[in-house]
Structure formats: C-alpha cells, structure tokens
C-alpha cells in the first residue's frame, strides 16, 4: 500500500499495474467514485495524479480481461472487486442489483453540431471532441470552431479536422457510425479511434467480444436533427463515458452528468518517480 498525503484529503491506494509495450501504467485503486464533479474535485487534490486518457482506460480493461481469464484461483481480490463494480452483481434471483454497474468517465467532451452552424460550410455537421483535461476539469463551454482557419486547423487524409495543438478533433457525421458495431467496424470507426486511439479501440473491441458483448456507440444524430425527444437544432455539449449494457459495451458520447455511480481512474504522472515508493503489485501482466 502507499499513502499519498495532501492538504485536501488523506487516502490509501493499492496500485494496479498493467504492462503496455515497454511502459508500465500504474492505476491507484480504488478509483474515485461518485458524481462527476466529486470525482474530478477529489482527484485534483493529488499532485501525483492525473485522469486516465482513453488509451489508458482501454489498457485498464485489458488488465481486467487478462485477470479474469487467468482464473479465479489466481485472481487478485482487487481486480475481482473492480470487475464486480464495472460488471455489476445481481442477487441470486436476479431481481435487483446488489452492486450497481459503475460508469467509467473518459475526460473527453463532445459538442454535437447540426447543419447550418458552420459559416464556411452550411451542410457540414458532426461531433467536436475536446481531449484537453484542464478544460474538462473546469467544465468550460465548448465553442463551434472555424475549420477554415488554416493557421489553427488541418484536415487529415481521413477527412477529420484536427487543431494544431491536437486537443480538438472535428469528425463529420459521415465519418463515424452510431449504434451497434462489429469488432472490425468499431476498430475502424473514427470516433472510437479519437477516444481510445486505434490500438485502444482494438483492445476495447476485443474485451467486448471476449465477454460476448457488442461494441456500441451511443450519441445524438446530427444528420436527422432529432433523437428521441431531444432536438438538435442547436449545438449540444455532452460528456463521454464507458459502461456495460445488457448485451453491449457502450461508448456513450451524449451522456448527461446527472448520476452518482461514476468511476474516475487516475494514473501517476510520469514526472513523479513512484518507483522509489514501496507499492503492492496486485498484477504482473504480460506485454500486449
């Protein structure tokens, strides 16, 4: 165990370790839990930590998959508890949730933009993704970008617009697909790659199929302007989370932060030499 002391809160962590390539990613466990704002506020109290990005979340799910597949006889209790919280646990008669499923926060924000909002191209619609963690922390309002500004934006070979600082990506509506995916279609999907990277999308898709789940992207339909009862006549800002449905692993990019069963996973910042601290290795996983 390690003890990180700050002026904000004292908390004991076990460290879950996953080897990814030549890099070991260290996840303090248990994760921050509760309302979205509570999770971010608590994590902010630790100079040693930052929120996990999309690739790091996918690697964590890889760790869960390897730990579960190793068999319960060798499964560390910390990994088992983590799986129980993500998968959920019903009572013996399957009538209620003893452990409700937790939703994993991804610190990326989405702005759904319908047609007619870009001055340079009125037919353009899609989703703007912001990966800047500070702006996610501060819940800053997202703005419609000026994609024709070549000093700040470029368009890649896939037709995705990328800001010069790489924090923002605009994905036109025809460049991603909502709904149920196959393993291969999820890996190729531009929104999934924007959130997790291509390698991360492969890990998430493999996790889903190993557990008999379909990868699923849930969001607003910027082309049809309406989904359910919600009009998309104007841009709508939403959060990004990952959670298990009954038969799907859902990447939800239109979620409202109104619940209190969120997980926010941190990682140790690379500049902090935690290897000088005695930690408990609860898993030694092989390289991907």
Protein backbone atom coordinates (compact mmCIF):
# COMPACT_ATOMS: atom_id res chain seq x y z
CA UNK A 1 0.00 0.00 0.00
CA UNK A 2 1.08 3.58 -0.47
CA UNK A 3 -0.11 6.65 1.33
CA UNK A 4 -0.36 9.95 -0.53
CA UNK A 5 -0.86 12.85 1.84
CA UNK A 6 -2.18 16.20 0.65
CA UNK A 7 -3.90 19.16 2.26
CA UNK A 8 -7.11 18.10 0.52
CA UNK A 9 -7.62 14.51 1.68
CA UNK A 10 -5.73 11.50 3.03
CA UNK A 11 -6.33 8.29 1.15
CA UNK A 12 -4.70 4.88 0.89
CA UNK A 13 -4.22 3.30 -2.52
CA UNK A 14 -3.35 -0.10 -3.83
CA UNK A 15 -1.68 0.17 -7.24
CA UNK A 16 -2.98 -1.90 -10.15
CA UNK A 17 -0.17 -2.40 -12.66
CA UNK A 18 -0.57 -3.20 -16.34
CA UNK A 19 2.32 -3.60 -18.77
CA UNK A 20 1.66 -1.96 -22.14
CA UNK A 21 4.50 -2.37 -24.60
CA UNK A 22 7.58 -1.17 -22.74
CA UNK A 23 5.58 1.01 -20.39
CA UNK A 24 4.03 0.10 -17.07
CA UNK A 25 0.85 2.02 -16.28
CA UNK A 26 0.04 2.38 -12.59
CA UNK A 27 -3.59 2.92 -11.59
CA UNK A 28 -4.34 3.93 -7.99
CA UNK A 29 -7.09 1.71 -6.63
CA UNK A 30 -9.86 2.19 -5.63
CA UNK A 31 -10.80 4.77 -8.24
CA UNK A 32 -12.59 7.98 -7.40
CA UNK A 33 -16.31 7.29 -7.14
CA UNK A 34 -19.49 9.36 -7.05
CA UNK A 35 -20.86 12.29 -9.01
CA UNK A 36 -18.74 13.52 -11.92
CA UNK A 37 -17.84 16.80 -10.19
CA UNK A 38 -16.94 14.98 -6.96
CA UNK A 39 -14.61 12.61 -8.80
CA UNK A 40 -12.73 15.41 -10.55
CA UNK A 41 -12.54 17.55 -7.39
CA UNK A 42 -11.07 14.69 -5.34
CA UNK A 43 -8.52 13.71 -7.97
CA UNK A 44 -7.46 17.34 -8.33
CA UNK A 45 -6.25 17.19 -4.73
CA UNK A 46 -3.36 14.88 -5.69
CA UNK A 47 -0.39 16.48 -7.44
CA UNK A 48 0.90 12.98 -8.20
CA UNK A 49 -2.15 12.02 -10.29
CA UNK A 50 -3.97 12.99 -13.45
CA UNK A 51 -7.10 11.48 -15.08
CA UNK A 52 -6.56 8.44 -17.30
CA UNK A 53 -6.88 9.16 -21.01
CA UNK A 54 -8.75 6.98 -23.49
CA UNK A 55 -5.83 4.67 -24.30
CA UNK A 56 -5.07 4.21 -20.61
CA UNK A 57 -8.69 3.27 -19.92
CA UNK A 58 -8.56 0.69 -22.71
CA UNK A 59 -5.34 -0.75 -21.22
CA UNK A 60 -7.08 -0.97 -17.84
CA UNK A 61 -9.85 -3.02 -19.49
CA UNK A 62 -7.11 -5.20 -20.99
CA UNK A 63 -5.85 -5.75 -17.46
CA UNK A 64 -9.34 -6.75 -16.31
CA UNK A 65 -9.65 -9.18 -19.24
CA UNK A 66 -6.29 -10.82 -18.52
CA UNK A 67 -7.01 -11.04 -14.79
CA UNK A 68 -10.47 -12.57 -15.31
CA UNK A 69 -9.18 -15.01 -17.95
CA UNK A 70 -6.40 -16.15 -15.61
CA UNK A 71 -9.00 -17.96 -13.48
CA UNK A 72 -10.47 -17.15 -10.12
CA UNK A 73 -7.93 -19.33 -8.30
CA UNK A 74 -5.20 -16.83 -9.08
CA UNK A 75 -7.35 -13.71 -9.40
CA UNK A 76 -6.32 -10.92 -7.06
CA UNK A 77 -9.16 -9.58 -4.98
CA UNK A 78 -8.61 -6.01 -6.18
CA UNK A 79 -9.14 -6.98 -9.84
CA UNK A 80 -12.15 -9.07 -8.83
CA UNK A 81 -13.73 -6.16 -6.96
CA UNK A 82 -13.06 -3.86 -9.90
CA UNK A 83 -14.77 -6.29 -12.28
CA UNK A 84 -17.74 -6.63 -9.92
CA UNK A 85 -18.23 -2.88 -9.89
CA UNK A 86 -17.97 -2.50 -13.67
CA UNK A 87 -19.97 -5.62 -14.50
CA UNK A 88 -22.41 -5.25 -11.63
CA UNK A 89 -23.79 -8.03 -9.47
CA UNK A 90 -27.39 -9.19 -9.20
CA UNK A 91 -28.88 -11.08 -6.29
CA UNK A 92 -29.41 -14.83 -6.53
CA UNK A 93 -32.88 -14.46 -8.01
CA UNK A 94 -31.77 -11.79 -10.49
CA UNK A 95 -34.31 -9.30 -9.15
CA UNK A 96 -32.15 -6.34 -8.19
CA UNK A 97 -28.56 -5.10 -8.36
CA UNK A 98 -26.53 -5.86 -5.23
CA UNK A 99 -23.72 -3.89 -6.85
CA UNK A 100 -24.97 -1.39 -9.48
CA UNK A 101 -22.85 -1.11 -12.60
CA UNK A 102 -20.41 1.78 -12.50
CA UNK A 103 -19.86 4.08 -15.45
CA UNK A 104 -16.24 4.93 -16.29
CA UNK A 105 -15.56 8.59 -17.01
CA UNK A 106 -13.42 9.44 -20.02
CA UNK A 107 -12.08 13.02 -19.70
CA UNK A 108 -13.12 13.95 -23.23
CA UNK A 109 -16.03 16.24 -24.06
CA UNK A 110 -18.27 16.31 -27.11
CA UNK A 111 -20.06 19.09 -28.93
CA UNK A 112 -22.75 17.84 -31.30
CA UNK A 113 -23.08 20.35 -34.16
CA UNK A 114 -26.03 20.19 -36.60
CA UNK A 115 -26.12 21.50 -40.16
CA UNK A 116 -26.17 25.25 -40.75
CA UNK A 117 -23.83 26.22 -37.91
CA UNK A 118 -20.56 26.44 -39.85
CA UNK A 119 -20.36 29.69 -41.78
CA UNK A 120 -17.89 28.24 -44.28
CA UNK A 121 -19.97 25.11 -44.99
CA UNK A 122 -23.67 25.08 -44.07
CA UNK A 123 -24.07 21.40 -44.96
CA UNK A 124 -21.38 20.27 -42.52
CA UNK A 125 -22.44 18.50 -39.31
CA UNK A 126 -20.79 16.17 -36.84
CA UNK A 127 -19.09 15.98 -33.46
CA UNK A 128 -16.28 18.06 -31.96
CA UNK A 129 -14.17 16.17 -29.40
CA UNK A 130 -12.03 18.02 -26.84
CA UNK A 131 -9.32 15.98 -25.11
CA UNK A 132 -7.89 18.85 -23.02
CA UNK A 133 -8.07 17.65 -19.42
CA UNK A 134 -7.91 21.12 -17.85
CA UNK A 135 -10.96 22.24 -19.80
CA UNK A 136 -12.77 19.04 -18.79
CA UNK A 137 -11.87 19.70 -15.16
CA UNK A 138 -13.19 23.25 -15.33
CA UNK A 139 -16.30 22.30 -17.38
CA UNK A 140 -15.59 25.05 -19.89
CA UNK A 141 -18.20 25.65 -22.56
CA UNK A 142 -17.19 24.32 -25.96
CA UNK A 143 -17.34 26.60 -28.99
CA UNK A 144 -18.01 25.96 -32.68
CA UNK A 145 -14.59 26.04 -34.38
CA UNK A 146 -13.62 27.92 -37.50
CA UNK A 147 -12.37 24.96 -39.51
CA UNK A 148 -11.30 27.14 -42.46
CA UNK A 149 -8.68 28.81 -40.24
CA UNK A 150 -5.61 27.08 -41.67
CA UNK A 151 -3.36 28.57 -39.01
CA UNK A 152 -5.16 26.59 -36.31
CA UNK A 153 -6.77 23.67 -38.14
CA UNK A 154 -5.75 21.00 -40.65
CA UNK A 155 -7.64 18.19 -42.36
CA UNK A 156 -6.10 14.73 -42.45
CA UNK A 157 -6.35 12.01 -45.09
CA UNK A 158 -9.44 10.53 -43.41
CA UNK A 159 -11.35 13.79 -43.63
CA UNK A 160 -11.03 14.54 -39.89
CA UNK A 161 -10.29 18.13 -38.83
CA UNK A 162 -7.54 18.43 -36.20
CA UNK A 163 -6.45 21.52 -34.27
CA UNK A 164 -2.76 22.35 -34.40
CA UNK A 165 -2.36 21.58 -30.69
CA UNK A 166 -4.08 18.18 -31.29
CA UNK A 167 -6.52 18.83 -28.43
CA UNK A 168 -9.57 19.21 -30.68
CA UNK A 169 -10.89 16.96 -33.44
CA UNK A 170 -13.99 17.51 -35.54
CA UNK A 171 -15.45 14.33 -37.06
CA UNK A 172 -18.00 14.93 -39.84
CA UNK A 173 -21.22 12.98 -39.48
CA UNK A 174 -20.43 10.63 -42.37
CA UNK A 175 -17.05 9.68 -40.84
CA UNK A 176 -18.40 7.76 -37.83
CA UNK A 177 -21.35 5.49 -37.10
CA UNK A 178 -23.66 5.34 -34.12
CA UNK A 179 -25.27 2.15 -32.88
CA UNK A 180 -24.13 -1.47 -32.70
CA UNK A 181 -20.75 -2.37 -34.20
CA UNK A 182 -18.89 -5.49 -35.13
CA UNK A 183 -15.42 -5.91 -33.75
CA UNK A 184 -13.81 -4.76 -37.01
CA UNK A 185 -16.17 -1.83 -37.62
CA UNK A 186 -15.57 -0.47 -34.11
CA UNK A 187 -11.81 -0.64 -34.60
CA UNK A 188 -12.13 1.31 -37.85
CA UNK A 189 -14.60 3.87 -36.50
CA UNK A 190 -13.15 7.38 -36.42
CA UNK A 191 -14.95 8.36 -33.21
CA UNK A 192 -13.73 5.22 -31.38
CA UNK A 193 -10.19 5.91 -32.60
CA UNK A 194 -10.43 9.54 -31.48
CA UNK A 195 -11.41 8.48 -27.97
CA UNK A 196 -9.12 5.46 -27.49
CA UNK A 197 -6.56 5.63 -30.37
CA UNK A 198 -6.66 2.79 -32.90
CA UNK A 199 -4.77 0.43 -30.60
CA UNK A 200 -7.10 1.30 -27.76
CA UNK A 201 -10.16 0.68 -29.97
CA UNK A 202 -8.76 -2.77 -30.75
CA UNK A 203 -8.39 -3.51 -27.03
CA UNK A 204 -11.94 -2.36 -26.22
CA UNK A 205 -13.42 -4.33 -29.13
CA UNK A 206 -11.51 -7.47 -28.06
CA UNK A 207 -12.70 -7.02 -24.47
CA UNK A 208 -16.31 -6.77 -25.64
CA UNK A 209 -16.13 -9.88 -27.81
CA UNK A 210 -14.34 -11.91 -25.13
CA UNK A 211 -17.33 -11.34 -22.87
CA UNK A 212 -19.98 -11.86 -25.54
CA UNK A 213 -20.78 -8.16 -25.86
CA UNK A 214 -21.17 -5.93 -28.92
CA UNK A 215 -19.32 -2.61 -29.06
CA UNK A 216 -21.93 0.14 -29.21
CA UNK A 217 -21.60 3.89 -29.77
CA UNK A 218 -24.45 5.94 -28.35
CA UNK A 219 -24.95 9.56 -29.33
CA UNK A 220 -27.05 12.25 -30.95
CA UNK A 221 -27.83 12.02 -34.65
CA UNK A 222 -26.54 15.27 -36.10
CA UNK A 223 -27.89 14.43 -39.56
CA UNK A 224 -31.51 13.73 -38.63
CA UNK A 225 -31.54 16.66 -36.15
CA UNK A 226 -33.70 14.74 -33.64
CA UNK A 227 -33.12 11.69 -31.47
CA UNK A 228 -35.85 10.63 -29.10
CA UNK A 229 -37.38 13.81 -27.75
CA UNK A 230 -34.26 15.94 -27.91
CA UNK A 231 -33.93 18.45 -30.74
CA UNK A 232 -30.54 19.05 -32.26
CA UNK A 233 -31.41 22.37 -33.82
CA UNK A 234 -28.55 23.90 -31.83
CA UNK A 235 -25.17 22.56 -30.70
CA UNK A 236 -25.35 20.32 -27.61
CA UNK A 237 -22.41 19.61 -25.29
CA UNK A 238 -22.08 16.19 -23.70
CA UNK A 239 -19.66 14.04 -21.69
CA UNK A 240 -18.05 10.70 -22.60
CA UNK A 241 -18.41 7.54 -20.53
CA UNK A 242 -17.91 3.79 -20.96
CA UNK A 243 -20.17 1.19 -19.36
CA UNK A 244 -21.72 -2.24 -19.81
CA UNK A 245 -25.27 -2.70 -21.04
CA UNK A 246 -27.14 -5.99 -21.05
CA UNK A 247 -25.53 -7.16 -24.30
CA UNK A 248 -23.26 -4.26 -25.23
CA UNK A 249 -20.14 -2.44 -24.15
CA UNK A 250 -21.35 1.13 -24.62
CA UNK A 251 -19.24 4.15 -25.52
CA UNK A 252 -21.71 6.90 -24.67
CA UNK A 253 -20.88 10.30 -26.14
CA UNK A 254 -24.15 12.04 -25.33
CA UNK A 255 -24.35 11.43 -21.61
CA UNK A 256 -25.67 13.95 -19.09
CA UNK A 257 -23.77 14.07 -15.78
CA UNK A 258 -26.76 13.53 -13.51
CA UNK A 259 -25.85 10.23 -11.86
CA UNK A 260 -23.69 9.34 -8.87
CA UNK A 261 -22.19 5.99 -9.82
CA UNK A 262 -19.20 7.17 -11.84
CA UNK A 263 -15.65 5.85 -11.68
CA UNK A 264 -12.79 8.20 -12.48
CA UNK A 265 -9.45 6.42 -12.82
CA UNK A 266 -6.25 8.31 -12.27
CA UNK A 267 -2.72 7.43 -13.27
CA UNK A 268 0.54 8.54 -11.74
CA UNK A 269 2.19 11.35 -13.64
CA UNK A 270 5.38 10.25 -15.35
CA UNK A 271 7.40 13.04 -13.77
CA UNK A 272 6.73 11.52 -10.36
CA UNK A 273 9.16 8.69 -9.56
CA UNK A 274 6.77 6.35 -7.76
CA UNK A 275 9.26 3.50 -8.11
CA UNK A 276 11.01 4.88 -5.04
CA UNK A 277 7.83 4.15 -3.09
CA UNK A 278 7.09 0.64 -1.92
CA UNK A 279 3.94 -0.44 -3.73
CA UNK A 280 1.93 -3.62 -3.78
CA UNK A 281 1.89 -5.20 -7.23
CA UNK A 282 -1.51 -6.84 -7.48
CA UNK A 283 -0.97 -7.99 -11.08
CA UNK A 284 2.03 -8.68 -13.28
CA UNK A 285 0.61 -8.97 -16.76
CA UNK A 286 2.46 -9.88 -19.91
CA UNK A 287 3.08 -7.29 -22.60
CA UNK A 288 0.39 -6.74 -25.20
